[in-house]
């Protein structure tokens, strides 16, 4: 069975195309510091389904568009 992972390039692309900073996304997700989201975008912290869903809503894309299978 193939396992899906978060497409880190897609996260950064959608964020920058929409003009959001790392801090903006961290605030939106409720992180206390920007590092919380920065680590996700760098692939050093896992992204749970709840966070993935929130990002898909913010970026106006499906959750699948933020994944690599």
C-alpha atoms as a PDB file:
ATOM      1  CA  UNK A   1       0.000   0.000   0.000  1.00  0.00           C
ATOM      2  CA  UNK A   2       1.327   3.433  -0.958  1.00  0.00           C
ATOM      3  CA  UNK A   3       1.502   5.985   1.773  1.00  0.00           C
ATOM      4  CA  UNK A   4       0.675   9.625   1.110  1.00  0.00           C
ATOM      5  CA  UNK A   5       2.928  12.388   2.357  1.00  0.00           C
ATOM      6  CA  UNK A   6       2.481  16.128   2.457  1.00  0.00           C
ATOM      7  CA  UNK A   7       3.725  17.882  -0.680  1.00  0.00           C
ATOM      8  CA  UNK A   8       6.048  20.432   0.899  1.00  0.00           C
ATOM      9  CA  UNK A   9       6.549  22.278  -2.384  1.00  0.00           C
ATOM     10  CA  UNK A  10       2.777  22.658  -2.751  1.00  0.00           C
ATOM     11  CA  UNK A  11       2.475  24.102   0.757  1.00  0.00           C
ATOM     12  CA  UNK A  12       5.082  26.739   0.040  1.00  0.00           C
ATOM     13  CA  UNK A  13       3.729  27.453  -3.448  1.00  0.00           C
ATOM     14  CA  UNK A  14       0.158  28.014  -2.275  1.00  0.00           C
ATOM     15  CA  UNK A  15       1.311  30.097   0.686  1.00  0.00           C
ATOM     16  CA  UNK A  16       3.483  32.396  -1.399  1.00  0.00           C
ATOM     17  CA  UNK A  17       1.000  32.684  -4.290  1.00  0.00           C
ATOM     18  CA  UNK A  18      -1.634  33.865  -1.822  1.00  0.00           C
ATOM     19  CA  UNK A  19       0.784  36.285  -0.181  1.00  0.00           C
ATOM     20  CA  UNK A  20       0.878  34.631   3.233  1.00  0.00           C
ATOM     21  CA  UNK A  21       3.957  34.671   5.415  1.00  0.00           C
ATOM     22  CA  UNK A  22       5.060  31.805   7.648  1.00  0.00           C
ATOM     23  CA  UNK A  23       3.775  33.896  10.579  1.00  0.00           C
ATOM     24  CA  UNK A  24       0.364  34.346   8.940  1.00  0.00           C
ATOM     25  CA  UNK A  25      -0.079  30.584   8.549  1.00  0.00           C
ATOM     26  CA  UNK A  26       1.194  29.885  12.066  1.00  0.00           C
ATOM     27  CA  UNK A  27      -1.338  32.374  13.467  1.00  0.00           C
ATOM     28  CA  UNK A  28      -4.135  30.853  11.394  1.00  0.00           C
ATOM     29  CA  UNK A  29      -3.295  27.376  12.685  1.00  0.00           C
ATOM     30  CA  UNK A  30      -3.036  28.584  16.279  1.00  0.00           C
ATOM     31  CA  UNK A  31       0.682  28.014  16.782  1.00  0.00           C
ATOM     32  CA  UNK A  32       2.329  30.164  19.449  1.00  0.00           C
ATOM     33  CA  UNK A  33       5.331  30.872  17.222  1.00  0.00           C
ATOM     34  CA  UNK A  34       5.983  30.800  13.462  1.00  0.00           C
ATOM     35  CA  UNK A  35       8.401  27.926  13.998  1.00  0.00           C
ATOM     36  CA  UNK A  36       5.461  25.551  14.459  1.00  0.00           C
ATOM     37  CA  UNK A  37       4.394  25.937  10.850  1.00  0.00           C
ATOM     38  CA  UNK A  38       7.909  26.497   9.493  1.00  0.00           C
ATOM     39  CA  UNK A  39       8.896  23.023  10.705  1.00  0.00           C
ATOM     40  CA  UNK A  40       5.949  21.512   8.829  1.00  0.00           C
ATOM     41  CA  UNK A  41       6.867  23.304   5.609  1.00  0.00           C
ATOM     42  CA  UNK A  42      10.485  22.165   5.992  1.00  0.00           C
ATOM     43  CA  UNK A  43       9.398  18.552   6.539  1.00  0.00           C
ATOM     44  CA  UNK A  44      10.768  18.381  10.077  1.00  0.00           C
ATOM     45  CA  UNK A  45       7.371  18.099  11.776  1.00  0.00           C
ATOM     46  CA  UNK A  46       4.504  15.883  10.733  1.00  0.00           C
ATOM     47  CA  UNK A  47       1.238  17.394   9.608  1.00  0.00           C
ATOM     48  CA  UNK A  48      -1.895  15.807  11.050  1.00  0.00           C
ATOM     49  CA  UNK A  49      -5.198  15.566   9.204  1.00  0.00           C
ATOM     50  CA  UNK A  50      -6.684  18.498  11.112  1.00  0.00           C
ATOM     51  CA  UNK A  51      -3.856  20.816  10.064  1.00  0.00           C
ATOM     52  CA  UNK A  52      -3.965  19.516   6.494  1.00  0.00           C
ATOM     53  CA  UNK A  53      -7.704  20.183   6.359  1.00  0.00           C
ATOM     54  CA  UNK A  54      -7.249  23.725   7.708  1.00  0.00           C
ATOM     55  CA  UNK A  55      -4.558  24.447   5.138  1.00  0.00           C
ATOM     56  CA  UNK A  56      -6.695  23.084   2.313  1.00  0.00           C
ATOM     57  CA  UNK A  57      -9.518  25.398   3.382  1.00  0.00           C
ATOM     58  CA  UNK A  58      -7.225  28.420   3.595  1.00  0.00           C
ATOM     59  CA  UNK A  59      -5.602  27.683   0.240  1.00  0.00           C
ATOM     60  CA  UNK A  60      -8.966  26.785  -1.347  1.00  0.00           C
ATOM     61  CA  UNK A  61      -7.719  23.418  -2.596  1.00  0.00           C
ATOM     62  CA  UNK A  62      -8.569  19.811  -1.780  1.00  0.00           C
ATOM     63  CA  UNK A  63      -6.548  17.929   0.809  1.00  0.00           C
ATOM     64  CA  UNK A  64      -5.436  15.600  -1.962  1.00  0.00           C
ATOM     65  CA  UNK A  65      -3.814  18.532  -3.776  1.00  0.00           C
ATOM     66  CA  UNK A  66      -1.517  18.943  -0.774  1.00  0.00           C
ATOM     67  CA  UNK A  67      -0.384  15.313  -0.848  1.00  0.00           C
ATOM     68  CA  UNK A  68       2.061  13.187  -2.811  1.00  0.00           C
ATOM     69  CA  UNK A  69       1.171   9.518  -3.139  1.00  0.00           C
END
